[in-house]
Amino acid sequence: MGDLKDDFVAIKKYWKEKKSSNLEKSKKILDDLGVDYQEYNMGIHLKVKGIDFWPSTGKWIDGKKHGRGVFNLIKRIKKIG
């Protein structure tokens, strides 16, 4: 039973590191493109041109329109102007 627990702990650690990496990479992409945003909750939640964005998971919400990924967010921003 110890192996199962070790696997669970390893997977949990992996996803925590993955989310942290996603957060940093997404913010860097936005910064490199010169996209302005406001940070909330120590950068876990961003407001990009009125769109709510969570860079650690890539989820964004623009009213009733939902999506995932920083590149899809950028496409949405360009689409709405």
C-alpha atoms as a PDB file:
ATOM      1  CA  MET A   1       0.000   0.000   0.000  1.00  0.00           C
ATOM      2  CA  GLY A   2       2.970   2.307   0.498  1.00  0.00           C
ATOM      3  CA  ASP A   3       3.707   2.366  -3.245  1.00  0.00           C
ATOM      4  CA  LEU A   4       0.241   3.731  -4.001  1.00  0.00           C
ATOM      5  CA  LYS A   5       0.702   6.543  -1.500  1.00  0.00           C
ATOM      6  CA  ASP A   6       4.131   7.357  -2.950  1.00  0.00           C
ATOM      7  CA  ASP A   7       2.619   7.492  -6.437  1.00  0.00           C
ATOM      8  CA  PHE A   8      -0.151   9.798  -5.243  1.00  0.00           C
ATOM      9  CA  VAL A   9       2.342  12.131  -3.547  1.00  0.00           C
ATOM     10  CA  ALA A  10       4.511  12.193  -6.695  1.00  0.00           C
ATOM     11  CA  ILE A  11       1.523  12.991  -8.932  1.00  0.00           C
ATOM     12  CA  LYS A  12       0.349  15.734  -6.584  1.00  0.00           C
ATOM     13  CA  LYS A  13       3.846  17.260  -6.593  1.00  0.00           C
ATOM     14  CA  TYR A  14       3.989  17.070 -10.402  1.00  0.00           C
ATOM     15  CA  TRP A  15       0.676  18.921 -10.853  1.00  0.00           C
ATOM     16  CA  LYS A  16       1.678  21.600  -8.344  1.00  0.00           C
ATOM     17  CA  GLU A  17       4.920  22.205 -10.260  1.00  0.00           C
ATOM     18  CA  LYS A  18       3.043  22.131 -13.585  1.00  0.00           C
ATOM     19  CA  LYS A  19       0.575  24.801 -12.425  1.00  0.00           C
ATOM     20  CA  SER A  20       3.421  26.972 -11.157  1.00  0.00           C
ATOM     21  CA  SER A  21       5.213  26.598 -14.492  1.00  0.00           C
ATOM     22  CA  ASN A  22       2.027  27.419 -16.428  1.00  0.00           C
ATOM     23  CA  LEU A  23       1.512  30.545 -14.331  1.00  0.00           C
ATOM     24  CA  GLU A  24       5.030  31.828 -14.994  1.00  0.00           C
ATOM     25  CA  LYS A  25       4.996  30.979 -18.717  1.00  0.00           C
ATOM     26  CA  SER A  26       1.563  32.509 -19.340  1.00  0.00           C
ATOM     27  CA  LYS A  27       2.495  35.763 -17.619  1.00  0.00           C
ATOM     28  CA  LYS A  28       5.771  35.895 -19.556  1.00  0.00           C
ATOM     29  CA  ILE A  29       3.927  35.413 -22.865  1.00  0.00           C
ATOM     30  CA  LEU A  30       1.528  38.247 -22.003  1.00  0.00           C
ATOM     31  CA  ASP A  31       4.430  40.456 -20.909  1.00  0.00           C
ATOM     32  CA  ASP A  32       6.437  39.699 -24.066  1.00  0.00           C
ATOM     33  CA  LEU A  33       3.441  40.641 -26.229  1.00  0.00           C
ATOM     34  CA  GLY A  34       2.889  43.830 -24.255  1.00  0.00           C
ATOM     35  CA  VAL A  35      -0.579  42.829 -23.084  1.00  0.00           C
ATOM     36  CA  ASP A  36      -1.678  44.812 -20.033  1.00  0.00           C
ATOM     37  CA  TYR A  37      -3.316  42.955 -17.156  1.00  0.00           C
ATOM     38  CA  GLN A  38      -4.183  43.408 -13.510  1.00  0.00           C
ATOM     39  CA  GLU A  39      -3.105  40.802 -10.949  1.00  0.00           C
ATOM     40  CA  TYR A  40      -5.324  39.519  -8.157  1.00  0.00           C
ATOM     41  CA  ASN A  41      -4.612  36.941  -5.442  1.00  0.00           C
ATOM     42  CA  MET A  42      -0.835  37.275  -5.832  1.00  0.00           C
ATOM     43  CA  GLY A  43      -1.015  36.702  -9.596  1.00  0.00           C
ATOM     44  CA  ILE A  44      -3.161  33.575  -9.533  1.00  0.00           C
ATOM     45  CA  HIS A  45      -6.064  35.475 -11.121  1.00  0.00           C
ATOM     46  CA  LEU A  46      -5.532  38.028 -13.872  1.00  0.00           C
ATOM     47  CA  LYS A  47      -7.898  40.470 -15.538  1.00  0.00           C
ATOM     48  CA  VAL A  48      -6.851  40.849 -19.192  1.00  0.00           C
ATOM     49  CA  LYS A  49      -8.843  43.431 -21.190  1.00  0.00           C
ATOM     50  CA  GLY A  50     -11.879  42.680 -19.016  1.00  0.00           C
ATOM     51  CA  ILE A  51     -11.468  38.905 -19.332  1.00  0.00           C
ATOM     52  CA  ASP A  52     -10.885  36.791 -16.215  1.00  0.00           C
ATOM     53  CA  PHE A  53      -7.845  34.527 -16.647  1.00  0.00           C
ATOM     54  CA  TRP A  54      -6.289  31.932 -14.369  1.00  0.00           C
ATOM     55  CA  PRO A  55      -2.805  31.319 -15.806  1.00  0.00           C
ATOM     56  CA  SER A  56      -2.032  28.268 -13.672  1.00  0.00           C
ATOM     57  CA  THR A  57      -4.845  26.299 -15.332  1.00  0.00           C
ATOM     58  CA  GLY A  58      -5.206  28.365 -18.499  1.00  0.00           C
ATOM     59  CA  LYS A  59      -8.926  28.905 -17.954  1.00  0.00           C
ATOM     60  CA  TRP A  60     -10.445  32.179 -19.084  1.00  0.00           C
ATOM     61  CA  ILE A  61     -13.978  33.557 -18.978  1.00  0.00           C
ATOM     62  CA  ASP A  62     -15.329  36.416 -21.071  1.00  0.00           C
ATOM     63  CA  GLY A  63     -18.964  36.795 -20.094  1.00  0.00           C
ATOM     64  CA  LYS A  64     -20.605  33.590 -21.301  1.00  0.00           C
ATOM     65  CA  LYS A  65     -17.638  32.623 -23.482  1.00  0.00           C
ATOM     66  CA  HIS A  66     -15.220  30.203 -21.797  1.00  0.00           C
ATOM     67  CA  GLY A  67     -11.915  28.876 -23.023  1.00  0.00           C
ATOM     68  CA  ARG A  68      -8.543  27.469 -22.103  1.00  0.00           C
ATOM     69  CA  GLY A  69      -4.993  28.436 -22.899  1.00  0.00           C
ATOM     70  CA  VAL A  70      -3.081  31.670 -23.092  1.00  0.00           C
ATOM     71  CA  PHE A  71      -2.900  31.521 -26.894  1.00  0.00           C
ATOM     72  CA  ASN A  72      -6.680  31.110 -27.186  1.00  0.00           C
ATOM     73  CA  LEU A  73      -7.029  34.044 -24.785  1.00  0.00           C
ATOM     74  CA  ILE A  74      -4.804  36.143 -27.048  1.00  0.00           C
ATOM     75  CA  LYS A  75      -6.943  35.162 -30.063  1.00  0.00           C
ATOM     76  CA  ARG A  76     -10.062  36.190 -28.136  1.00  0.00           C
ATOM     77  CA  ILE A  77      -8.530  39.564 -27.228  1.00  0.00           C
ATOM     78  CA  LYS A  78      -7.651  40.217 -30.860  1.00  0.00           C
ATOM     79  CA  LYS A  79     -11.149  39.167 -31.949  1.00  0.00           C
ATOM     80  CA  ILE A  80     -12.951  41.536 -29.577  1.00  0.00           C
ATOM     81  CA  GLY A  81     -10.488  44.347 -30.256  1.00  0.00           C
END
